[in-house]
N, C-alpha and C. Protein backbone atom coordinates (compact mmCIF):
# COMPACT_ATOMS: atom_id res chain seq x y z
N MET A 1 138.18 152.14 51.54
CA MET A 1 138.00 153.22 52.50
C MET A 1 136.96 152.97 53.53
N ILE A 2 137.27 153.43 54.76
CA ILE A 2 136.27 153.29 55.81
C ILE A 2 135.51 154.54 55.94
N ALA A 3 134.20 154.56 55.62
CA ALA A 3 133.39 155.83 55.56
C ALA A 3 132.65 156.01 56.87
N GLY A 4 132.48 154.99 57.59
CA GLY A 4 131.76 155.15 58.96
C GLY A 4 131.97 153.92 59.83
N VAL A 5 131.77 154.21 61.00
CA VAL A 5 131.80 153.02 62.08
C VAL A 5 130.58 153.20 62.90
N ARG A 6 129.77 152.01 63.01
CA ARG A 6 128.66 152.03 63.89
C ARG A 6 128.85 150.80 64.87
N GLY A 7 128.63 151.06 66.11
CA GLY A 7 128.65 150.06 67.10
C GLY A 7 128.56 150.61 68.50
N THR A 8 129.16 149.77 69.45
CA THR A 8 129.07 150.19 70.91
C THR A 8 130.30 151.07 71.31
N LEU A 9 130.09 152.11 71.99
CA LEU A 9 131.09 152.90 72.59
C LEU A 9 131.76 152.18 73.69
N ARG A 10 132.97 151.68 73.58
CA ARG A 10 133.57 150.87 74.58
C ARG A 10 134.42 151.82 75.54
N SER A 11 135.13 152.76 75.10
CA SER A 11 135.95 153.57 76.02
C SER A 11 136.39 154.87 75.26
N ARG A 12 136.82 155.76 76.17
CA ARG A 12 137.41 157.07 75.66
C ARG A 12 138.60 157.44 76.50
N THR A 13 139.59 157.94 75.86
CA THR A 13 140.86 158.22 76.51
C THR A 13 141.42 159.41 75.77
N GLY A 14 141.56 160.56 76.43
CA GLY A 14 142.05 161.78 75.78
C GLY A 14 141.11 162.08 74.64
N ASP A 15 141.62 162.17 73.36
CA ASP A 15 140.88 162.50 72.20
C ASP A 15 140.54 161.31 71.37
N ARG A 16 140.70 160.06 72.02
CA ARG A 16 140.41 158.81 71.25
C ARG A 16 139.29 158.04 71.98
N VAL A 17 138.48 157.38 71.02
CA VAL A 17 137.42 156.48 71.54
C VAL A 17 137.50 155.14 70.80
N VAL A 18 137.06 154.18 71.45
CA VAL A 18 137.14 152.79 70.84
C VAL A 18 135.66 152.33 70.61
N VAL A 19 135.32 152.02 69.37
CA VAL A 19 133.94 151.51 69.00
C VAL A 19 134.00 150.08 68.53
N ALA A 20 133.23 149.26 69.31
CA ALA A 20 133.12 147.80 68.95
C ALA A 20 132.00 147.61 68.01
N THR A 21 132.22 146.95 66.91
CA THR A 21 131.18 146.83 65.92
C THR A 21 130.57 145.38 66.11
N ALA A 22 129.48 145.21 65.55
CA ALA A 22 128.70 143.81 65.65
C ALA A 22 129.37 142.75 65.18
N SER A 23 130.29 142.96 64.16
CA SER A 23 131.18 141.94 63.53
C SER A 23 132.26 141.50 64.48
N GLY A 24 132.48 142.13 65.60
CA GLY A 24 133.53 141.73 66.51
C GLY A 24 134.82 142.50 66.28
N VAL A 25 134.88 143.56 65.41
CA VAL A 25 136.15 144.37 65.18
C VAL A 25 135.93 145.62 65.98
N SER A 26 136.92 146.02 66.68
CA SER A 26 136.97 147.30 67.48
C SER A 26 137.77 148.34 66.68
N TYR A 27 137.33 149.62 66.57
CA TYR A 27 138.09 150.61 65.97
C TYR A 27 138.36 151.63 66.87
N GLU A 28 139.71 152.13 66.85
CA GLU A 28 140.07 153.34 67.58
C GLU A 28 140.06 154.57 66.64
N LEU A 29 139.34 155.53 67.17
CA LEU A 29 139.16 156.81 66.34
C LEU A 29 139.56 158.01 67.14
N ALA A 30 140.28 158.95 66.52
CA ALA A 30 140.58 160.22 67.17
C ALA A 30 139.41 161.14 66.78
N VAL A 31 138.86 161.88 67.80
CA VAL A 31 137.73 162.75 67.55
C VAL A 31 138.07 164.10 68.12
N PRO A 32 137.36 165.15 67.51
CA PRO A 32 137.52 166.55 68.02
C PRO A 32 136.78 166.59 69.34
N LEU A 33 137.16 167.59 70.13
CA LEU A 33 136.63 167.88 71.53
C LEU A 33 135.09 167.93 71.44
N GLY A 34 134.57 168.66 70.46
CA GLY A 34 133.17 168.84 70.32
C GLY A 34 132.40 167.50 70.20
N VAL A 35 132.91 166.64 69.42
CA VAL A 35 132.41 165.27 69.20
C VAL A 35 132.44 164.49 70.54
N LEU A 36 133.62 164.59 71.21
CA LEU A 36 133.79 163.85 72.38
C LEU A 36 132.74 164.23 73.45
N GLU A 37 132.40 165.54 73.50
CA GLU A 37 131.42 166.12 74.57
C GLU A 37 129.99 165.68 74.18
N ARG A 38 129.76 165.44 72.82
CA ARG A 38 128.35 165.10 72.37
C ARG A 38 128.11 163.54 72.47
N LEU A 39 129.18 162.80 72.63
CA LEU A 39 128.99 161.33 72.66
C LEU A 39 128.17 160.84 73.86
N PRO A 40 127.42 159.78 73.70
CA PRO A 40 126.71 159.25 74.80
C PRO A 40 127.74 158.47 75.83
N ARG A 41 127.18 158.06 76.88
CA ARG A 41 127.97 157.34 77.89
C ARG A 41 128.52 155.99 77.14
N ASP A 42 129.59 155.48 77.88
CA ASP A 42 130.20 154.21 77.45
C ASP A 42 129.12 153.11 77.55
N GLY A 43 129.16 152.27 76.58
CA GLY A 43 128.13 151.13 76.37
C GLY A 43 126.95 151.53 75.44
N ALA A 44 126.83 152.77 75.12
CA ALA A 44 125.67 153.21 74.27
C ALA A 44 126.23 152.93 72.73
N GLU A 45 125.16 152.88 71.91
CA GLU A 45 125.41 152.75 70.47
C GLU A 45 125.82 154.05 69.87
N VAL A 46 126.79 154.14 68.95
CA VAL A 46 127.16 155.28 68.34
C VAL A 46 127.34 154.97 66.80
N ASP A 47 127.21 156.04 65.99
CA ASP A 47 127.38 155.94 64.56
C ASP A 47 128.17 157.19 64.15
N LEU A 48 129.42 156.98 63.79
CA LEU A 48 130.43 158.03 63.48
C LEU A 48 130.71 157.97 61.90
N GLN A 49 130.86 159.05 61.36
CA GLN A 49 131.38 159.25 59.99
C GLN A 49 132.82 159.32 60.16
N THR A 50 133.62 158.78 59.17
CA THR A 50 135.04 158.72 59.45
C THR A 50 135.96 159.25 58.24
N VAL A 51 137.13 159.62 58.51
CA VAL A 51 138.15 159.92 57.53
C VAL A 51 139.48 159.04 57.85
N LEU A 52 139.78 158.29 56.95
CA LEU A 52 141.00 157.40 57.13
C LEU A 52 142.15 158.05 56.46
N VAL A 53 143.18 158.26 57.22
CA VAL A 53 144.32 158.96 56.77
C VAL A 53 145.53 157.85 56.80
N VAL A 54 146.12 157.59 55.60
CA VAL A 54 147.07 156.58 55.45
C VAL A 54 148.51 157.26 55.26
N ARG A 55 149.45 156.86 56.07
CA ARG A 55 150.73 157.42 55.94
C ARG A 55 151.74 156.34 56.00
N GLU A 56 153.02 156.63 55.76
CA GLU A 56 154.15 155.59 55.80
C GLU A 56 154.18 154.90 57.11
N ASP A 57 153.98 155.75 58.17
CA ASP A 57 154.20 155.08 59.58
C ASP A 57 152.84 154.56 60.20
N GLY A 58 151.80 154.49 59.37
CA GLY A 58 150.59 153.85 59.85
C GLY A 58 149.34 154.43 59.48
N TRP A 59 148.21 153.79 59.71
CA TRP A 59 146.94 154.33 59.40
C TRP A 59 146.24 154.95 60.59
N ALA A 60 145.49 155.92 60.49
CA ALA A 60 144.71 156.59 61.55
C ALA A 60 143.22 156.88 61.09
N LEU A 61 142.43 156.73 61.95
CA LEU A 61 141.00 156.88 61.74
C LEU A 61 140.46 157.98 62.51
N TYR A 62 139.72 158.98 61.90
CA TYR A 62 139.23 160.15 62.60
C TYR A 62 137.69 160.11 62.52
N GLY A 63 136.99 160.33 63.62
CA GLY A 63 135.54 160.20 63.71
C GLY A 63 134.80 161.53 63.90
N PHE A 64 133.70 161.54 63.26
CA PHE A 64 132.88 162.73 63.40
C PHE A 64 131.31 162.38 63.47
N ASP A 65 130.56 163.09 64.28
CA ASP A 65 129.19 162.85 64.44
C ASP A 65 128.32 163.74 63.55
N ARG A 66 129.02 164.67 62.82
CA ARG A 66 128.32 165.62 62.01
C ARG A 66 129.05 165.69 60.57
N ASP A 67 128.39 165.58 59.53
CA ASP A 67 129.01 165.61 58.22
C ASP A 67 129.72 167.02 57.99
N PHE A 68 129.17 168.07 58.52
CA PHE A 68 129.81 169.40 58.30
C PHE A 68 131.23 169.33 58.84
N GLU A 69 131.43 168.91 60.12
CA GLU A 69 132.75 168.88 60.77
C GLU A 69 133.72 167.97 59.97
N ARG A 70 133.16 166.87 59.45
CA ARG A 70 134.04 165.93 58.74
C ARG A 70 134.58 166.61 57.30
N THR A 71 133.65 167.38 56.78
CA THR A 71 133.99 168.09 55.51
C THR A 71 135.06 169.22 55.90
N VAL A 72 134.96 169.95 56.93
CA VAL A 72 135.90 170.95 57.22
C VAL A 72 137.18 170.27 57.59
N PHE A 73 137.23 169.17 58.33
CA PHE A 73 138.50 168.41 58.59
C PHE A 73 139.19 168.05 57.31
N GLN A 74 138.44 167.45 56.34
CA GLN A 74 139.01 167.13 55.06
C GLN A 74 139.53 168.30 54.22
N ARG A 75 138.91 169.41 54.40
CA ARG A 75 139.47 170.55 53.63
C ARG A 75 140.56 171.21 54.31
N LEU A 76 140.67 171.12 55.66
CA LEU A 76 141.85 171.50 56.38
C LEU A 76 143.04 170.78 55.97
N LEU A 77 142.85 169.48 55.77
CA LEU A 77 143.94 168.54 55.37
C LEU A 77 144.55 168.98 54.08
N GLY A 78 143.84 169.69 53.22
CA GLY A 78 144.30 170.13 51.91
C GLY A 78 145.19 171.36 52.01
N ALA A 79 145.26 171.98 53.18
CA ALA A 79 146.15 173.21 53.29
C ALA A 79 147.60 172.82 53.50
N THR A 80 148.56 173.48 52.97
CA THR A 80 149.94 173.24 53.09
C THR A 80 150.39 173.18 54.62
N GLY A 81 151.10 172.12 55.07
CA GLY A 81 151.55 172.09 56.31
C GLY A 81 150.50 171.65 57.34
N VAL A 82 149.36 171.38 56.96
CA VAL A 82 148.30 170.93 57.94
C VAL A 82 148.04 169.39 57.84
N GLY A 83 148.54 168.68 58.91
CA GLY A 83 148.34 167.30 59.05
C GLY A 83 147.13 167.02 59.79
N PRO A 84 146.76 165.72 60.05
CA PRO A 84 145.62 165.41 60.78
C PRO A 84 145.61 165.87 62.21
N ARG A 85 146.73 165.82 62.83
CA ARG A 85 146.82 166.33 64.28
C ARG A 85 146.44 167.77 64.37
N LEU A 86 147.00 168.64 63.51
CA LEU A 86 146.70 170.07 63.53
C LEU A 86 145.25 170.31 63.13
N ALA A 87 144.76 169.57 62.14
CA ALA A 87 143.37 169.73 61.67
C ALA A 87 142.43 169.39 62.87
N LEU A 88 142.81 168.36 63.61
CA LEU A 88 141.98 167.93 64.76
C LEU A 88 141.98 168.98 65.87
N ALA A 89 143.23 169.61 66.11
CA ALA A 89 143.34 170.69 67.12
C ALA A 89 142.62 171.88 66.70
N VAL A 90 142.48 172.21 65.44
CA VAL A 90 141.68 173.40 65.03
C VAL A 90 140.29 173.14 65.27
N LEU A 91 139.80 171.93 64.96
CA LEU A 91 138.41 171.65 65.16
C LEU A 91 138.01 171.56 66.64
N SER A 92 138.96 170.97 67.40
CA SER A 92 138.65 170.86 68.83
C SER A 92 138.68 172.34 69.51
N SER A 93 139.50 173.15 69.00
CA SER A 93 139.56 174.49 69.74
C SER A 93 138.38 175.37 69.25
N LEU A 94 138.06 175.29 67.98
CA LEU A 94 137.15 176.30 67.42
C LEU A 94 135.73 175.72 67.05
N GLY A 95 135.76 174.45 66.64
CA GLY A 95 134.41 173.91 66.09
C GLY A 95 134.37 174.18 64.63
N GLY A 96 133.67 173.47 63.92
CA GLY A 96 133.59 173.59 62.39
C GLY A 96 133.08 174.92 62.05
N ALA A 97 132.00 175.40 62.51
CA ALA A 97 131.40 176.68 62.22
C ALA A 97 132.26 177.88 62.36
N ARG A 98 133.06 177.88 63.56
CA ARG A 98 133.89 179.07 63.86
C ARG A 98 135.15 178.92 62.95
N VAL A 99 135.58 177.73 62.53
CA VAL A 99 136.73 177.61 61.60
C VAL A 99 136.28 178.26 60.31
N VAL A 100 135.16 177.89 59.85
CA VAL A 100 134.75 178.53 58.57
C VAL A 100 134.58 180.04 58.57
N ALA A 101 134.02 180.47 59.70
CA ALA A 101 133.81 181.91 59.86
C ALA A 101 135.16 182.74 60.02
N ALA A 102 136.07 182.04 60.78
CA ALA A 102 137.40 182.71 60.97
C ALA A 102 138.13 182.74 59.70
N VAL A 103 138.15 181.74 58.87
CA VAL A 103 138.78 181.72 57.56
C VAL A 103 138.22 182.71 56.61
N ARG A 104 136.88 182.69 56.56
CA ARG A 104 136.10 183.66 55.62
C ARG A 104 136.35 185.13 56.07
N GLY A 105 136.38 185.33 57.34
CA GLY A 105 136.57 186.76 57.86
C GLY A 105 137.94 187.16 58.06
N ALA A 106 138.94 186.19 57.78
CA ALA A 106 140.37 186.52 57.95
C ALA A 106 140.56 186.82 59.37
N ASP A 107 139.89 186.09 60.39
CA ASP A 107 140.06 186.31 61.82
C ASP A 107 141.29 185.55 62.34
N LEU A 108 142.46 186.30 62.16
CA LEU A 108 143.75 185.63 62.56
C LEU A 108 143.73 185.46 64.00
N ALA A 109 143.20 186.32 64.80
CA ALA A 109 143.26 186.22 66.33
C ALA A 109 142.55 184.87 66.80
N ALA A 110 141.42 184.55 66.21
CA ALA A 110 140.75 183.37 66.49
C ALA A 110 141.61 182.16 66.12
N LEU A 111 142.15 182.15 64.86
CA LEU A 111 142.98 181.08 64.47
C LEU A 111 144.24 180.88 65.31
N CYS A 112 144.74 182.01 65.80
CA CYS A 112 146.01 181.90 66.53
C CYS A 112 145.74 181.38 68.05
N THR A 113 144.49 181.18 68.42
CA THR A 113 144.09 180.58 69.70
C THR A 113 144.36 179.17 69.61
N VAL A 114 144.51 178.56 68.59
CA VAL A 114 144.71 177.13 68.37
C VAL A 114 146.24 176.82 68.71
N PRO A 115 146.52 175.92 69.66
CA PRO A 115 147.89 175.45 69.87
C PRO A 115 148.53 174.99 68.57
N GLY A 116 149.77 175.51 68.32
CA GLY A 116 150.53 175.19 67.09
C GLY A 116 150.29 176.07 65.91
N ILE A 117 149.31 177.00 66.03
CA ILE A 117 149.11 178.05 64.97
C ILE A 117 149.59 179.38 65.34
N GLY A 118 150.51 179.89 64.61
CA GLY A 118 151.03 181.34 64.80
C GLY A 118 150.52 182.19 63.74
N LYS A 119 151.01 183.44 63.77
CA LYS A 119 150.38 184.36 62.77
C LYS A 119 150.58 183.91 61.37
N LYS A 120 151.77 183.48 60.98
CA LYS A 120 152.10 183.09 59.63
C LYS A 120 151.27 181.91 59.16
N THR A 121 151.14 180.94 60.01
CA THR A 121 150.25 179.75 59.71
C THR A 121 148.86 180.20 59.47
N ALA A 122 148.39 181.04 60.43
CA ALA A 122 146.97 181.52 60.33
C ALA A 122 146.78 182.29 59.00
N GLU A 123 147.73 183.12 58.62
CA GLU A 123 147.67 183.82 57.38
C GLU A 123 147.58 182.97 56.13
N ARG A 124 148.45 181.74 56.18
CA ARG A 124 148.42 180.81 55.15
C ARG A 124 147.15 180.07 55.02
N LEU A 125 146.60 179.80 56.26
CA LEU A 125 145.36 179.04 56.20
C LEU A 125 144.20 179.88 55.61
N VAL A 126 144.20 181.17 55.92
CA VAL A 126 143.21 182.08 55.31
C VAL A 126 143.39 182.11 53.82
N LEU A 127 144.56 182.28 53.35
CA LEU A 127 144.93 182.44 51.95
C LEU A 127 144.54 181.15 51.23
N GLU A 128 144.86 180.11 51.68
CA GLU A 128 144.63 178.78 50.97
C GLU A 128 143.23 178.24 51.10
N LEU A 129 142.60 178.53 52.24
CA LEU A 129 141.24 177.84 52.39
C LEU A 129 140.02 178.75 52.23
N LYS A 130 140.30 180.14 52.00
CA LYS A 130 139.19 180.96 51.80
C LYS A 130 138.18 180.44 50.72
N ASP A 131 138.74 180.20 49.60
CA ASP A 131 137.79 179.77 48.48
C ASP A 131 137.34 178.31 48.65
N ARG A 132 138.12 177.45 49.34
CA ARG A 132 137.73 176.09 49.56
C ARG A 132 136.62 175.98 50.49
N LEU A 133 136.52 176.89 51.42
CA LEU A 133 135.38 176.82 52.42
C LEU A 133 134.21 177.76 52.09
N SER A 134 134.33 178.47 50.99
CA SER A 134 133.33 179.39 50.72
C SER A 134 132.00 178.77 50.43
N ASP A 135 131.81 177.52 50.06
CA ASP A 135 130.60 176.85 49.67
C ASP A 135 129.97 176.19 50.92
N LEU A 136 130.63 176.18 52.03
CA LEU A 136 130.07 175.56 53.29
C LEU A 136 129.23 176.44 54.08
N THR A 137 128.20 175.94 54.51
CA THR A 137 127.13 176.64 55.34
C THR A 137 126.98 175.77 56.61
N ALA A 138 127.37 176.31 57.81
CA ALA A 138 127.18 175.56 58.92
C ALA A 138 125.78 175.53 59.32
N PRO A 139 125.41 174.21 59.83
CA PRO A 139 123.95 174.18 60.30
C PRO A 139 123.79 175.14 61.54
N GLY A 140 122.85 175.93 61.42
CA GLY A 140 122.57 177.02 62.58
C GLY A 140 123.75 177.84 62.66
N GLU A 141 124.25 178.38 61.55
CA GLU A 141 125.46 179.22 61.47
C GLU A 141 125.89 179.90 62.80
N ALA A 142 127.01 179.60 63.25
CA ALA A 142 127.40 180.12 64.65
C ALA A 142 127.58 181.61 64.55
N PRO A 143 127.16 182.27 65.69
CA PRO A 143 127.41 183.71 65.61
C PRO A 143 128.90 184.19 65.75
N VAL A 144 129.21 185.20 64.98
CA VAL A 144 130.64 185.52 64.96
C VAL A 144 130.86 186.30 66.30
N ARG A 145 131.93 186.05 66.96
CA ARG A 145 132.32 186.60 68.21
C ARG A 145 132.67 188.15 68.04
N SER A 146 132.40 188.93 69.04
CA SER A 146 132.70 190.29 69.04
C SER A 146 134.20 190.46 69.30
N PRO A 147 134.82 191.54 69.00
CA PRO A 147 136.22 191.93 69.21
C PRO A 147 136.50 191.74 70.83
N ALA A 148 135.56 192.20 71.60
CA ALA A 148 135.65 192.07 73.03
C ALA A 148 135.72 190.62 73.52
N ALA A 149 134.89 189.81 72.98
CA ALA A 149 134.91 188.35 73.27
C ALA A 149 136.27 187.74 72.81
N ASP A 150 136.79 188.12 71.71
CA ASP A 150 138.04 187.53 71.14
C ASP A 150 139.15 187.99 72.09
N GLN A 151 139.18 189.21 72.60
CA GLN A 151 140.18 189.72 73.54
C GLN A 151 140.12 188.96 74.85
N ALA A 152 138.80 188.66 75.30
CA ALA A 152 138.67 187.93 76.45
C ALA A 152 139.22 186.52 76.38
N VAL A 153 138.96 185.76 75.26
CA VAL A 153 139.41 184.42 74.97
C VAL A 153 140.92 184.48 74.93
N GLN A 154 141.53 185.39 74.31
CA GLN A 154 142.99 185.43 74.15
C GLN A 154 143.58 185.71 75.58
N ALA A 155 142.97 186.55 76.38
CA ALA A 155 143.52 186.79 77.66
C ALA A 155 143.48 185.59 78.56
N LEU A 156 142.43 184.75 78.53
CA LEU A 156 142.31 183.48 79.26
C LEU A 156 143.32 182.46 78.78
N VAL A 157 143.60 182.42 77.42
CA VAL A 157 144.60 181.48 76.79
C VAL A 157 145.98 181.92 77.39
N ASN A 158 146.26 183.25 77.42
CA ASN A 158 147.48 183.78 77.93
C ASN A 158 147.68 183.53 79.45
N LEU A 159 146.55 183.27 80.15
CA LEU A 159 146.61 182.87 81.58
C LEU A 159 146.78 181.39 81.73
N GLY A 160 146.78 180.67 80.68
CA GLY A 160 147.06 179.16 80.75
C GLY A 160 145.85 178.25 80.53
N TYR A 161 144.72 178.81 80.28
CA TYR A 161 143.53 178.02 79.97
C TYR A 161 143.60 177.52 78.53
N GLY A 162 143.05 176.28 78.29
CA GLY A 162 142.94 175.84 76.96
C GLY A 162 142.04 176.60 76.16
N ALA A 163 142.25 176.72 74.72
CA ALA A 163 141.52 177.60 73.95
C ALA A 163 140.06 177.23 73.95
N ALA A 164 139.79 175.89 74.00
CA ALA A 164 138.35 175.40 73.99
C ALA A 164 137.56 175.79 75.19
N ASP A 165 138.34 175.60 76.36
CA ASP A 165 137.71 175.99 77.61
C ASP A 165 137.44 177.50 77.75
N ALA A 166 138.47 178.23 77.26
CA ALA A 166 138.39 179.69 77.29
C ALA A 166 137.14 180.21 76.47
N ASP A 167 137.02 179.59 75.21
CA ASP A 167 135.97 179.91 74.38
C ASP A 167 134.62 179.58 74.94
N ARG A 168 134.42 178.37 75.53
CA ARG A 168 133.17 178.03 76.10
C ARG A 168 132.80 179.01 77.31
N ALA A 169 133.83 179.27 78.18
CA ALA A 169 133.58 180.22 79.33
C ALA A 169 133.16 181.49 78.80
N VAL A 170 133.74 182.07 77.82
CA VAL A 170 133.44 183.42 77.30
C VAL A 170 132.05 183.49 76.71
N ARG A 171 131.77 182.33 75.93
CA ARG A 171 130.41 182.22 75.35
C ARG A 171 129.36 182.17 76.42
N SER A 172 129.66 181.40 77.49
CA SER A 172 128.59 181.31 78.63
C SER A 172 128.53 182.72 79.28
N ALA A 173 129.62 183.47 79.43
CA ALA A 173 129.62 184.77 80.01
C ALA A 173 128.73 185.74 79.14
N LEU A 174 128.91 185.58 77.87
CA LEU A 174 128.08 186.47 76.90
C LEU A 174 126.66 186.10 77.04
N ALA A 175 126.33 184.75 77.13
CA ALA A 175 124.94 184.44 77.24
C ALA A 175 124.26 184.83 78.47
N ASP A 176 125.06 184.91 79.61
CA ASP A 176 124.47 185.28 80.96
C ASP A 176 124.42 186.86 81.03
N HIS A 177 125.39 187.57 80.51
CA HIS A 177 125.48 188.99 80.62
C HIS A 177 125.41 189.87 79.48
N GLY A 178 125.12 189.18 78.31
CA GLY A 178 125.06 190.00 77.05
C GLY A 178 126.37 190.60 76.63
N THR A 179 126.32 191.68 75.98
CA THR A 179 127.50 192.39 75.48
C THR A 179 128.14 193.06 76.69
N ALA A 180 129.52 192.94 76.75
CA ALA A 180 130.31 193.45 77.87
C ALA A 180 131.62 193.78 77.47
N ALA A 181 132.32 194.55 78.31
CA ALA A 181 133.61 194.95 77.98
C ALA A 181 134.58 193.74 78.22
N PRO A 182 135.74 193.67 77.66
CA PRO A 182 136.66 192.46 77.73
C PRO A 182 136.98 192.17 79.25
N ALA A 183 137.19 193.26 80.09
CA ALA A 183 137.52 192.98 81.46
C ALA A 183 136.39 192.36 82.19
N GLU A 184 135.07 192.67 81.90
CA GLU A 184 133.92 192.03 82.53
C GLU A 184 133.84 190.66 82.12
N LEU A 185 133.97 190.47 80.78
CA LEU A 185 133.86 189.08 80.28
C LEU A 185 134.94 188.14 80.85
N ILE A 186 136.08 188.66 81.10
CA ILE A 186 137.19 187.87 81.65
C ILE A 186 136.84 187.53 83.13
N ARG A 187 136.42 188.43 83.89
CA ARG A 187 136.05 188.26 85.26
C ARG A 187 134.98 187.16 85.39
N VAL A 188 133.84 187.32 84.59
CA VAL A 188 132.78 186.35 84.62
C VAL A 188 133.21 184.86 84.20
N ALA A 189 134.05 184.91 83.04
CA ALA A 189 134.57 183.64 82.53
C ALA A 189 135.43 182.95 83.56
N LEU A 190 136.29 183.77 84.23
CA LEU A 190 137.20 183.18 85.21
C LEU A 190 136.28 182.52 86.42
N GLN A 191 135.22 183.17 86.76
CA GLN A 191 134.40 182.56 87.84
C GLN A 191 133.72 181.25 87.23
N LEU A 192 133.37 181.26 86.09
CA LEU A 192 132.90 179.99 85.49
C LEU A 192 133.85 178.81 85.43
N LEU A 193 135.04 179.28 85.00
CA LEU A 193 136.16 178.23 85.00
C LEU A 193 136.49 177.68 86.34
N ALA A 194 136.44 178.54 87.39
CA ALA A 194 136.82 178.21 88.70
C ALA A 194 135.72 177.14 89.20
N ARG A 195 134.47 177.30 88.85
CA ARG A 195 133.44 176.41 89.29
C ARG A 195 133.57 175.10 88.66
N ARG A 196 134.07 175.06 87.44
CA ARG A 196 134.17 173.80 86.64
C ARG A 196 135.45 172.99 87.21
N ALA A 197 136.41 173.71 87.73
CA ALA A 197 137.65 173.08 88.09
C ALA A 197 137.45 172.00 89.29
């Protein structure tokens, strides 16, 4: 089992990175969006914890810079119908702390913002994972979003923005303006998204 990879970050494409080790072996790893954003520039040294998924059609390596997110990924894989791609999408859209909070709080709206997860899948995830995630405590436990913020994120997703981008924009809008009505959060978040485009 490959528990970790340490080496030079050679490249990144989409959700994949290539790490060249000192032994001359390069590994391609799929990583969540949050990990991708926290990685240093190409050419820098990285140390990633990994999960190796072996299937009939091949092996795939998934990388994490935090033990907490790696654990959440492994537990997501234990749910019925959740493969590594969907588990990675869940972590990319919500981040580890929000996944745990959404499952514990039966926040179906948050889970449904993940591409590929509908209401039935979200209900199944809550049912199967509530007990499995109960012992996890996120470092600096992420604040639970208000219903207004959830509505704003869902509205942005409905407008065609990615769930992760919508979530970040709404969080920034909340940080800048405090508590606000959904319409105000959407307005400010749209301005932030327009600046980033």
